[in-house]
Amino acid sequence: MGGPFASPAYVVKLTFQAEEVGGGFFKLTNRTNG
């Protein structure tokens, strides 16, 4: 395969998805905690 950094576009896509999920989770916990 060539390692996890073989495809920059793939890494960027995963990072973007992780930020999106993390952001949504942060908002959810923020709302729950008041």
C-alpha atoms as a PDB file:
ATOM      1  CA  MET A   1       0.000   0.000   0.000  1.00  0.00           C
ATOM      2  CA  GLY A   2       2.723   2.469   0.895  1.00  0.00           C
ATOM      3  CA  GLY A   3       1.651   3.611   4.343  1.00  0.00           C
ATOM      4  CA  PRO A   4      -1.181   5.806   5.629  1.00  0.00           C
ATOM      5  CA  PHE A   5       0.302   8.903   3.983  1.00  0.00           C
ATOM      6  CA  ALA A   6       0.529   7.427   0.497  1.00  0.00           C
ATOM      7  CA  SER A   7      -2.450   9.490  -0.672  1.00  0.00           C
ATOM      8  CA  PRO A   8      -2.569  13.104   0.600  1.00  0.00           C
ATOM      9  CA  ALA A   9      -6.132  13.530  -0.661  1.00  0.00           C
ATOM     10  CA  TYR A  10      -7.216  10.506   1.385  1.00  0.00           C
ATOM     11  CA  VAL A  11      -5.549  11.907   4.506  1.00  0.00           C
ATOM     12  CA  VAL A  12      -7.195  15.297   3.963  1.00  0.00           C
ATOM     13  CA  LYS A  13     -10.557  13.593   3.526  1.00  0.00           C
ATOM     14  CA  LEU A  14     -10.153  11.629   6.753  1.00  0.00           C
ATOM     15  CA  THR A  15      -9.021  14.747   8.622  1.00  0.00           C
ATOM     16  CA  PHE A  16     -12.012  16.710   7.363  1.00  0.00           C
ATOM     17  CA  GLN A  17     -14.399  13.928   8.403  1.00  0.00           C
ATOM     18  CA  ALA A  18     -12.750  13.667  11.818  1.00  0.00           C
ATOM     19  CA  GLU A  19     -13.096  17.423  12.375  1.00  0.00           C
ATOM     20  CA  GLU A  20     -16.727  17.322  11.298  1.00  0.00           C
ATOM     21  CA  VAL A  21     -17.545  14.439  13.649  1.00  0.00           C
ATOM     22  CA  GLY A  22     -15.491  15.938  16.475  1.00  0.00           C
ATOM     23  CA  GLY A  23     -17.168  19.321  16.037  1.00  0.00           C
ATOM     24  CA  GLY A  24     -20.627  17.786  16.167  1.00  0.00           C
ATOM     25  CA  PHE A  25     -19.711  15.777  19.267  1.00  0.00           C
ATOM     26  CA  PHE A  26     -18.311  18.892  20.944  1.00  0.00           C
ATOM     27  CA  LYS A  27     -21.538  20.806  20.285  1.00  0.00           C
ATOM     28  CA  LEU A  28     -23.580  17.890  21.579  1.00  0.00           C
ATOM     29  CA  THR A  29     -21.634  17.613  24.839  1.00  0.00           C
ATOM     30  CA  ASN A  30     -21.645  21.397  25.224  1.00  0.00           C
ATOM     31  CA  ARG A  31     -25.436  21.471  24.953  1.00  0.00           C
ATOM     32  CA  THR A  32     -25.782  18.562  27.387  1.00  0.00           C
ATOM     33  CA  ASN A  33     -23.513  20.156  29.982  1.00  0.00           C
ATOM     34  CA  GLY A  34     -25.282  23.489  29.687  1.00  0.00           C
END
